[in-house]
């Protein structure tokens, strides 16, 4: 299964990037990191579609069997960086594609609104957002190793397994 993992945080040192990198490495995914890419503010003008990182994002989503979106929760929503990147995409890339959602929360509260926000946007591009979703709080991380701790990593494994089930089902449907 070819999985695209999108780090939806603009921060180069944040937990969202740590989680996205961990997932891509552990599950042989492809990482598209918004903290290192040049995705301009979406304005709907055609020439933006020709920009290198925008073309790469569209290609990677189109060619993937599944996508995992990760975002910090900013003011009860996904990050502006992730929403902006998703605005460059459409049902041409996402139609029926299995998508998993992970929010990175600050602890104590938060995360669910970012998940709901991502789910709403994915519904708008006709993606198949799976039921399993995760919120990772600060205690879920091993900051020395820059990875996710064992118990939350098992939850991530379950999310990836569910994505694989939907990806395989979509392949079988498309073969018939």
Protein backbone atom coordinates (compact mmCIF):
# COMPACT_ATOMS: atom_id res chain seq x y z
CA UNK A 1 0.00 0.00 0.00
CA UNK A 2 1.36 3.39 -1.02
CA UNK A 3 0.50 5.83 1.79
CA UNK A 4 1.07 9.55 1.66
CA UNK A 5 1.58 11.19 5.07
CA UNK A 6 0.98 14.95 5.11
CA UNK A 7 2.48 16.98 7.93
CA UNK A 8 -0.04 19.80 8.21
CA UNK A 9 2.04 21.92 10.56
CA UNK A 10 4.14 24.89 9.44
CA UNK A 11 6.52 24.30 12.38
CA UNK A 12 9.79 22.56 11.62
CA UNK A 13 10.27 21.36 15.22
CA UNK A 14 6.73 20.56 16.33
CA UNK A 15 5.09 17.34 17.49
CA UNK A 16 3.00 17.13 14.33
CA UNK A 17 6.12 16.89 12.22
CA UNK A 18 7.59 14.39 14.68
CA UNK A 19 4.49 12.18 14.40
CA UNK A 20 4.27 12.49 10.60
CA UNK A 21 7.95 11.56 10.18
CA UNK A 22 7.56 8.64 12.58
CA UNK A 23 4.52 7.29 10.71
CA UNK A 24 6.08 7.67 7.26
CA UNK A 25 9.25 5.89 8.40
CA UNK A 26 7.55 3.08 10.32
CA UNK A 27 4.95 2.34 7.63
CA UNK A 28 7.08 2.99 4.53
CA UNK A 29 4.99 5.99 3.63
CA UNK A 30 5.86 9.05 1.62
CA UNK A 31 6.09 12.26 3.65
CA UNK A 32 4.88 15.58 2.28
CA UNK A 33 6.01 18.08 4.89
CA UNK A 34 4.31 21.48 4.76
CA UNK A 35 6.97 22.89 7.09
CA UNK A 36 9.59 22.47 4.37
CA UNK A 37 7.57 22.90 1.17
CA UNK A 38 6.68 26.12 -0.63
CA UNK A 39 2.92 26.07 -1.01
CA UNK A 40 1.73 29.65 -1.51
CA UNK A 41 -1.49 31.13 -0.23
CA UNK A 42 -4.18 29.66 -2.49
CA UNK A 43 -5.82 32.28 -4.69
CA UNK A 44 -7.47 30.12 -7.34
CA UNK A 45 -5.39 31.48 -10.19
CA UNK A 46 -4.36 28.90 -12.77
CA UNK A 47 -0.63 29.69 -12.74
CA UNK A 48 -0.38 28.41 -9.15
CA UNK A 49 -1.10 24.91 -10.47
CA UNK A 50 2.26 24.99 -12.25
CA UNK A 51 4.33 25.59 -9.11
CA UNK A 52 6.74 22.74 -8.30
CA UNK A 53 5.46 21.84 -4.81
CA UNK A 54 1.80 22.22 -5.81
CA UNK A 55 2.32 19.87 -8.77
CA UNK A 56 4.19 17.43 -6.49
CA UNK A 57 1.38 17.48 -3.90
CA UNK A 58 -1.27 16.79 -6.55
CA UNK A 59 0.81 13.97 -8.04
CA UNK A 60 1.52 12.35 -4.69
CA UNK A 61 -2.12 12.41 -3.59
CA UNK A 62 -3.26 11.10 -6.98
CA UNK A 63 -0.75 8.24 -6.97
CA UNK A 64 -1.25 7.18 -3.35
CA UNK A 65 -3.50 4.35 -2.24
CA UNK A 66 -4.29 6.21 0.99
CA UNK A 67 -3.51 9.47 2.76
CA UNK A 68 -2.92 10.31 6.41
CA UNK A 69 -3.49 13.95 7.36
CA UNK A 70 -1.89 15.26 10.55
CA UNK A 71 -2.58 18.69 11.98
CA UNK A 72 -2.14 20.58 15.19
CA UNK A 73 -5.35 22.12 16.48
CA UNK A 74 -5.23 25.89 16.10
CA UNK A 75 -8.24 27.81 17.43
CA UNK A 76 -10.58 24.80 17.17
CA UNK A 77 -9.60 23.89 13.61
CA UNK A 78 -6.87 22.32 11.50
CA UNK A 79 -3.83 24.46 10.78
CA UNK A 80 -4.11 27.14 8.14
CA UNK A 81 -1.15 25.54 6.38
CA UNK A 82 -3.03 22.26 5.93
CA UNK A 83 -6.28 23.91 4.88
CA UNK A 84 -4.38 26.02 2.37
CA UNK A 85 -2.63 22.95 0.89
CA UNK A 86 -5.94 21.08 0.66
CA UNK A 87 -7.45 24.02 -1.23
CA UNK A 88 -5.09 23.18 -4.12
CA UNK A 89 -6.62 19.68 -4.32
CA UNK A 90 -10.01 18.40 -5.40
CA UNK A 91 -12.03 15.28 -6.05
CA UNK A 92 -9.68 14.69 -9.01
CA UNK A 93 -7.10 13.59 -6.45
CA UNK A 94 -9.28 12.41 -3.55
CA UNK A 95 -12.42 10.78 -4.94
CA UNK A 96 -13.04 7.58 -2.90
CA UNK A 97 -9.45 7.63 -1.57
CA UNK A 98 -9.14 6.29 1.99
CA UNK A 99 -7.97 9.03 4.37
CA UNK A 100 -6.93 8.75 8.01
CA UNK A 101 -6.97 11.74 10.37
CA UNK A 102 -4.69 12.54 13.29
CA UNK A 103 -4.80 15.70 15.40
CA UNK A 104 -1.95 16.80 17.61
CA UNK A 105 -3.31 18.53 20.70
CA UNK A 106 -1.71 20.68 23.34
CA UNK A 107 -2.96 18.51 26.17
CA UNK A 108 -5.95 18.58 28.44
CA UNK A 109 -8.38 19.51 25.71
CA UNK A 110 -8.43 19.90 22.01
CA UNK A 111 -7.99 17.88 18.89
CA UNK A 112 -11.58 16.86 18.17
CA UNK A 113 -12.43 20.10 16.41
CA UNK A 114 -9.40 19.78 14.13
CA UNK A 115 -10.49 16.22 13.31
CA UNK A 116 -14.03 17.36 12.55
CA UNK A 117 -12.69 20.23 10.44
CA UNK A 118 -10.46 17.88 8.41
CA UNK A 119 -13.35 15.42 8.02
CA UNK A 120 -15.60 18.18 6.66
CA UNK A 121 -13.01 19.23 4.07
CA UNK A 122 -12.41 15.62 3.03
CA UNK A 123 -16.14 15.15 2.56
CA UNK A 124 -16.02 18.17 0.23
CA UNK A 125 -13.49 16.44 -2.05
CA UNK A 126 -15.32 13.08 -1.92
CA UNK A 127 -12.62 11.26 0.03
CA UNK A 128 -13.43 8.15 2.06
CA UNK A 129 -12.36 9.30 5.52
CA UNK A 130 -12.16 6.23 7.73
CA UNK A 131 -13.94 6.06 11.07
CA UNK A 132 -10.79 5.52 13.15
CA UNK A 133 -9.16 8.81 14.07
CA UNK A 134 -6.57 9.79 16.67
CA UNK A 135 -5.64 12.65 18.95
CA UNK A 136 -2.07 12.63 20.17
CA UNK A 137 -1.39 14.67 23.32
CA UNK A 138 2.06 15.75 24.57
CA UNK A 139 2.43 12.63 26.75
CA UNK A 140 2.29 10.45 23.60
CA UNK A 141 5.77 11.51 22.49
CA UNK A 142 9.31 10.47 23.33
CA UNK A 143 11.03 13.82 22.88
CA UNK A 144 14.56 12.43 23.19
CA UNK A 145 14.05 9.88 20.42
CA UNK A 146 11.75 12.24 18.41
CA UNK A 147 9.11 9.56 17.98
CA UNK A 148 5.75 8.39 19.24
CA UNK A 149 5.69 6.25 22.39
CA UNK A 150 4.76 2.57 22.24
CA UNK A 151 1.05 2.65 23.23
CA UNK A 152 0.07 5.53 20.91
CA UNK A 153 2.18 3.89 18.17
CA UNK A 154 -0.08 0.82 18.44
CA UNK A 155 -3.11 3.05 17.86
CA UNK A 156 -1.39 4.47 14.79
CA UNK A 157 -0.73 0.91 13.58
CA UNK A 158 -4.46 0.17 13.90
CA UNK A 159 -5.32 3.28 11.89
CA UNK A 160 -2.87 2.25 9.15
CA UNK A 161 -4.33 -1.28 9.15
CA UNK A 162 -7.84 0.14 8.70
CA UNK A 163 -6.60 2.29 5.83
CA UNK A 164 -5.13 -0.84 4.23
CA UNK A 165 -8.51 -2.61 4.43
CA UNK A 166 -10.24 0.26 2.63
CA UNK A 167 -7.40 0.62 0.10
CA UNK A 168 -7.61 -3.08 -0.76
CA UNK A 169 -11.40 -2.89 -1.09
CA UNK A 170 -11.10 0.08 -3.45
CA UNK A 171 -8.53 -1.76 -5.57
CA UNK A 172 -10.86 -4.75 -5.89
CA UNK A 173 -13.79 -2.53 -6.85
CA UNK A 174 -11.70 -0.75 -9.48
CA UNK A 175 -10.50 -4.09 -10.92
CA UNK A 176 -14.07 -5.23 -11.58
